[in-house]
Structure formats: structure tokens, C-alpha cells
Protein backbone atom coordinates (compact mmCIF):
# COMPACT_ATOMS: atom_id res chain seq x y z
CA MET A 1 -4.57 64.59 124.50
CA SER A 2 -3.40 67.60 126.47
CA TYR A 3 -3.36 71.32 125.85
CA PRO A 4 -0.53 72.61 123.64
CA GLY A 5 1.91 74.63 125.69
CA GLY A 6 0.40 73.66 129.02
CA TYR A 7 -2.84 74.25 130.85
CA PRO A 8 -4.51 77.68 130.74
CA THR A 9 -3.45 79.84 133.67
CA GLN A 10 -6.63 81.21 135.20
CA GLY A 11 -6.79 79.58 138.60
CA GLY A 12 -5.96 76.21 137.07
CA GLY A 13 -8.99 76.28 134.79
CA TYR A 14 -9.93 77.19 131.26
CA PRO A 15 -10.05 80.76 129.95
CA THR A 16 -13.40 82.18 131.05
CA GLN A 17 -16.15 83.16 128.63
CA GLY A 18 -15.81 86.87 127.87
CA GLY A 19 -12.65 87.07 129.98
CA GLY A 20 -10.20 88.77 127.63
CA TYR A 21 -11.54 87.83 124.21
CA PRO A 22 -14.82 88.23 122.33
CA GLN A 23 -17.32 85.41 122.81
CA HIS A 24 -18.82 83.27 120.11
CA PRO A 25 -22.25 84.44 118.97
CA GLN A 26 -24.96 82.81 121.04
CA GLN A 27 -28.45 81.82 119.95
CA GLY A 28 -30.58 84.90 120.28
CA GLY A 29 -27.71 87.19 119.34
CA GLY A 30 -25.96 87.62 122.69
CA TYR A 31 -22.60 89.38 122.29
CA PRO A 32 -20.32 91.04 124.80
CA GLN A 33 -20.96 94.78 125.05
CA GLN A 34 -17.40 95.87 125.74
CA GLY A 35 -15.41 97.70 123.10
CA GLY A 36 -17.65 99.32 120.50
CA TYR A 37 -16.98 101.00 117.20
CA PRO A 38 -13.63 102.59 116.47
CA ALA A 39 -13.56 106.36 116.22
CA GLN A 40 -13.40 106.67 112.46
CA GLN A 41 -15.83 108.49 110.26
CA GLY A 42 -17.66 105.64 108.61
CA GLY A 43 -14.59 103.46 108.24
CA TYR A 44 -14.69 99.75 107.64
CA PRO A 45 -12.99 97.48 110.13
CA GLY A 46 -9.50 96.65 108.88
CA TYR A 47 -6.43 98.61 107.93
CA ASN A 48 -6.53 101.27 105.26
CA PRO A 49 -3.45 100.63 103.08
CA ASN A 50 -3.34 104.29 102.08
CA GLN A 51 -2.96 105.41 105.69
CA PRO A 52 -0.38 103.19 107.43
CA GLY A 53 -1.31 102.39 111.00
CA GLN A 54 -4.91 103.52 110.59
CA TYR A 55 -8.10 101.50 110.43
CA GLY A 56 -11.11 102.09 108.23
CA GLY A 57 -10.91 104.88 105.72
CA TYR A 58 -13.91 104.22 103.49
CA ALA A 59 -16.94 106.52 103.64
CA PRO A 60 -20.03 105.14 101.83
CA PRO A 61 -22.86 107.40 100.68
CA GLN A 62 -25.39 108.69 103.22
CA THR A 63 -28.59 106.64 103.55
CA PRO A 64 -31.77 106.87 105.68
CA GLY A 65 -31.63 105.32 109.14
CA THR A 66 -32.76 101.82 110.13
CA PRO A 67 -34.14 101.44 113.67
CA GLY A 68 -31.68 99.74 115.98
CA VAL A 69 -28.71 100.08 113.59
CA SER A 70 -25.95 102.70 113.74
CA PRO A 71 -26.08 105.13 110.78
CA ASP A 72 -22.40 104.40 110.07
CA VAL A 73 -23.06 100.66 109.99
CA GLU A 74 -26.06 101.14 107.70
CA ARG A 75 -23.98 103.20 105.26
CA MET A 76 -21.37 100.45 105.21
CA PHE A 77 -23.99 97.76 104.72
CA ASN A 78 -25.57 99.56 101.76
CA ALA A 79 -22.18 100.16 100.17
CA VAL A 80 -21.30 96.46 100.43
CA ASP A 81 -24.73 95.19 99.39
CA THR A 82 -23.97 95.79 95.73
CA ASP A 83 -26.85 93.69 94.39
CA ARG A 84 -29.35 95.41 96.73
CA SER A 85 -30.60 92.05 98.00
CA GLY A 86 -30.82 93.25 101.58
CA LYS A 87 -28.19 90.70 102.57
CA ILE A 88 -24.42 90.46 102.37
CA THR A 89 -22.55 87.34 101.26
CA ALA A 90 -19.00 86.41 102.20
CA LYS A 91 -17.81 87.61 98.77
CA GLU A 92 -19.44 91.00 99.27
CA LEU A 93 -18.02 91.25 102.79
CA GLN A 94 -14.56 90.42 101.48
CA LYS A 95 -14.58 93.50 99.26
CA ALA A 96 -15.12 95.70 102.32
CA LEU A 97 -12.37 94.41 104.60
CA GLN A 98 -8.63 94.90 104.18
CA ASN A 99 -5.68 93.88 106.29
CA GLY A 100 -2.45 95.76 106.91
CA LYS A 101 -0.92 94.58 103.64
CA GLY A 102 -3.69 96.20 101.62
CA GLN A 103 -5.16 92.81 100.81
CA ASN A 104 -8.78 91.86 101.22
CA PHE A 105 -9.61 89.55 104.09
CA SER A 106 -9.23 85.90 103.15
CA ASP A 107 -12.09 83.80 101.82
CA ARG A 108 -11.84 81.63 104.91
CA CYS A 109 -12.15 84.55 107.32
CA CYS A 110 -15.15 86.07 105.55
CA HIS A 111 -16.97 82.75 105.22
CA LEU A 112 -16.27 82.03 108.89
CA LEU A 113 -17.65 85.40 110.00
CA VAL A 114 -20.77 85.13 107.86
CA SER A 115 -21.45 81.58 109.05
CA MET A 116 -21.22 82.70 112.67
CA PHE A 117 -23.88 85.38 112.25
CA ASP A 118 -26.10 83.80 109.59
CA THR A 119 -28.78 82.31 111.84
CA SER A 120 -30.88 81.14 108.88
CA ASN A 121 -27.96 79.25 107.27
CA GLY A 122 -28.66 80.98 103.96
CA GLY A 123 -25.06 82.02 103.31
CA ALA A 124 -25.63 85.74 103.92
CA VAL A 125 -26.35 88.21 106.74
CA ASP A 126 -28.98 90.93 106.97
CA ILE A 127 -28.32 94.44 108.27
CA HIS A 128 -28.98 93.56 111.92
CA GLN A 129 -26.67 90.54 111.76
CA PHE A 130 -24.10 92.67 109.97
CA SER A 131 -24.29 95.23 112.79
CA LYS A 132 -23.48 92.53 115.35
CA MET A 133 -20.72 91.18 113.12
CA PHE A 134 -19.22 94.65 112.83
CA GLU A 135 -19.10 94.97 116.62
CA TYR A 136 -17.57 91.51 116.92
CA ILE A 137 -14.86 92.28 114.35
CA ASN A 138 -14.07 95.55 116.09
CA GLN A 139 -13.48 93.73 119.36
CA TRP A 140 -10.91 91.51 117.66
CA LEU A 141 -9.39 94.58 116.02
CA ASN A 142 -9.05 96.31 119.38
CA ILE A 143 -7.13 93.31 120.72
CA PHE A 144 -5.00 93.09 117.57
CA LYS A 145 -4.12 96.81 117.62
CA THR A 146 -2.93 96.47 121.21
CA TYR A 147 -0.10 94.24 120.01
CA ASP A 148 0.47 95.81 116.59
CA ARG A 149 2.46 98.57 118.25
CA ASN A 150 4.11 99.87 115.08
CA GLY A 151 0.83 99.99 113.14
CA SER A 152 2.17 97.69 110.42
CA GLY A 153 -0.96 95.56 110.26
CA LEU A 154 1.05 92.48 111.29
CA ILE A 155 2.09 90.86 114.56
CA ASP A 156 4.95 88.41 115.08
CA ASP A 157 4.99 85.22 117.13
CA GLN A 158 6.03 86.98 120.36
CA GLU A 159 3.19 89.49 120.04
CA LEU A 160 0.79 86.67 119.21
CA ASN A 161 1.91 84.82 122.33
CA GLN A 162 1.26 87.96 124.41
CA ALA A 163 -2.23 88.26 122.89
CA PHE A 164 -3.00 84.63 123.77
CA SER A 165 -1.76 85.25 127.31
CA GLN A 166 -4.23 88.13 127.62
CA MET A 167 -6.97 85.70 126.62
CA GLY A 168 -5.91 83.30 129.36
CA PHE A 169 -3.94 80.74 127.32
CA ASN A 170 -0.54 79.55 128.51
CA PHE A 171 0.83 78.52 125.12
CA SER A 172 4.53 77.87 124.70
CA PRO A 173 6.63 80.16 122.46
CA ASN A 174 7.29 77.19 120.17
CA PHE A 175 3.55 76.60 119.69
CA THR A 176 2.80 80.21 118.73
CA LYS A 177 5.86 80.21 116.46
CA GLN A 178 4.39 77.21 114.64
CA LEU A 179 1.08 79.05 114.24
CA THR A 180 2.87 82.10 112.85
CA SER A 181 4.88 79.97 110.42
CA ARG A 182 1.59 78.86 108.82
CA SER A 183 0.67 82.44 107.89
CA ASN A 184 0.94 83.74 104.35
CA ASP A 185 4.44 85.17 104.82
CA HIS A 186 5.45 82.52 107.42
CA LYS A 187 6.74 85.23 109.79
CA GLU A 188 3.89 87.48 110.88
CA VAL A 189 0.12 87.25 111.18
CA SER A 190 -2.31 89.70 109.58
CA VAL A 191 -5.53 90.76 111.28
CA ASP A 192 -7.75 88.37 109.28
CA GLU A 193 -5.37 85.47 110.00
CA PHE A 194 -5.45 86.49 113.66
CA ILE A 195 -9.25 86.41 113.74
CA VAL A 196 -9.38 82.94 112.14
CA LEU A 197 -6.74 81.61 114.54
CA CYS A 198 -8.47 82.96 117.62
CA ILE A 199 -11.94 81.76 116.63
CA SER A 200 -10.61 78.29 115.79
CA ILE A 201 -8.76 78.02 119.12
CA GLN A 202 -11.81 79.32 120.94
CA ARG A 203 -14.01 76.65 119.35
CA LEU A 204 -11.49 73.90 120.04
CA THR A 205 -11.24 75.06 123.65
CA GLU A 206 -14.99 74.79 124.07
CA ALA A 207 -15.06 71.32 122.48
CA PHE A 208 -12.12 70.19 124.66
CA ARG A 209 -13.71 71.54 127.83
CA VAL A 210 -16.94 69.61 127.22
CA ARG A 211 -14.94 66.37 127.04
CA ASP A 212 -12.64 67.22 129.96
CA THR A 213 -14.99 65.88 132.64
CA GLN A 214 -12.22 65.94 135.26
CA GLN A 215 -11.30 69.54 134.36
CA ASN A 216 -7.60 68.64 134.54
CA GLY A 217 -6.55 69.51 130.99
CA VAL A 218 -6.40 65.91 129.74
CA ILE A 219 -9.01 63.94 127.79
CA ASN A 220 -9.44 60.53 126.20
CA ILE A 221 -10.95 60.85 122.76
CA GLY A 222 -11.85 58.42 120.00
CA PHE A 223 -10.48 58.90 116.50
CA GLU A 224 -13.84 59.70 114.89
CA ASP A 225 -14.77 62.10 117.68
CA PHE A 226 -11.37 63.77 117.27
CA LEU A 227 -11.95 64.24 113.53
CA ASN A 228 -15.41 65.62 114.20
CA VAL A 229 -14.04 68.15 116.70
CA VAL A 230 -11.33 69.34 114.32
CA LEU A 231 -13.57 69.57 111.25
CA THR A 232 -16.40 71.38 113.01
CA SER A 233 -14.14 73.71 115.00
CA THR A 234 -11.88 74.91 112.19
CA ASN A 235 -14.40 75.46 109.38
């Protein structure tokens, strides 16, 4: 099994951790510190359908501060935590995030994000985990906005290919066109679809690299191991 579209083009090796794309959460909560929050007044990550080309746009009520958490993030958390449980589920998160078409982020994207930051495997994140999630989402948004040049909230297959190139992947145009064709409108990718795609490819890359003992972009893999890689990397 070889890499789709050829081998990544960073000195003949794999894309480096943190080199052009946000890293997976690590045990202990290690996240890259580049990027940061966008310059909105209390806006949620995601496009505001009422202001084309803009992100955020929702200002929750003011609340007292929590040590170690941005006041803006705490206001967002409290606005989303509708049952006042002190934790946010994927369903609650979904109500807070919108893509460029004015639609809420997909179930898959929200469940994926929560699972990545839910260290207790309870199906929800607390305010500190939410703060790290917010930073992580913003890093993907910053990448996405770089290629969404018209502020439509969507990128086409050529723009997606450029984004992958920035991350160090040498995918063929045909491969990225196939990825785009699997989106909701089969032509362009929204920001939540982009996040799911990138995280899935990132996970598959890590699983492939572990098995590529020769580091030459080719592996031998058993059928059951292949199924395990796909199921654990794309869910």
C-alpha cells in the first residue's frame, strides 16, 4: 500500500509534527501554541451566516472569570452549556458552530472534536478542555481562511490541494478531487468537512508511518490490521 498521490515532499519523509498543521492532542494536553483566538468580540469559531466572509458573531452573556481560561472562552462555554452540567456534549457543541452555509457543524465533526479532548471518555468536555478545543479549532480555521479567499465558507478541490501542500502532502489533483466529490454538495468543502478530512488524514498518516519501518512510503499490511487502522483513524 502506498501513499495516494505520491510520497510527502518534505525531504523525502513524512509531514513533520506541527509543521504546517495543528497536531493531535497529546496526553497531558500538549497543543501547538501558534495561532490563537481570532479577533472577534466573543465570537464562536465558524462562519456567521449573517455576515458573509466573517467568523464568529455570537456574544454570550458576561460571566465571572475562571482561572486559566480566557473570559471570551468562558462566556462561550456557559452559553453552550445549556443544562449547566459544567460539561459540553457534542450535541451542545454543534449548536455553537456554523459553517459558511449557515449550517451547524456536522454530527461527525462535533463528536470527533469532543472525543479528541475528552480525556475521561465520558462523552463531554469541561471548560479547560473546551478552551484547548477552541484553540485547536481556530488553528484549523486560520488554515481554512487562507484558502477561502472569497470568504464564501467553502473551498474547491484546487484550494484543498493547496492546503494539503502547505501541510506537506504531495497529493495528486485527482485524489483531492475525489475527496471534494464526497462533500455534501460534491463540489466544495465546508470548514467542518475540512476539519474532519484533515484530522482523518493526519491519523492515517501517523498509523502508516508506524508501519513504514523502511520509511520509503510503502508498507505490507494484513487485512485485519488494515481494517483496524481505517476504523480507528476515521471515527
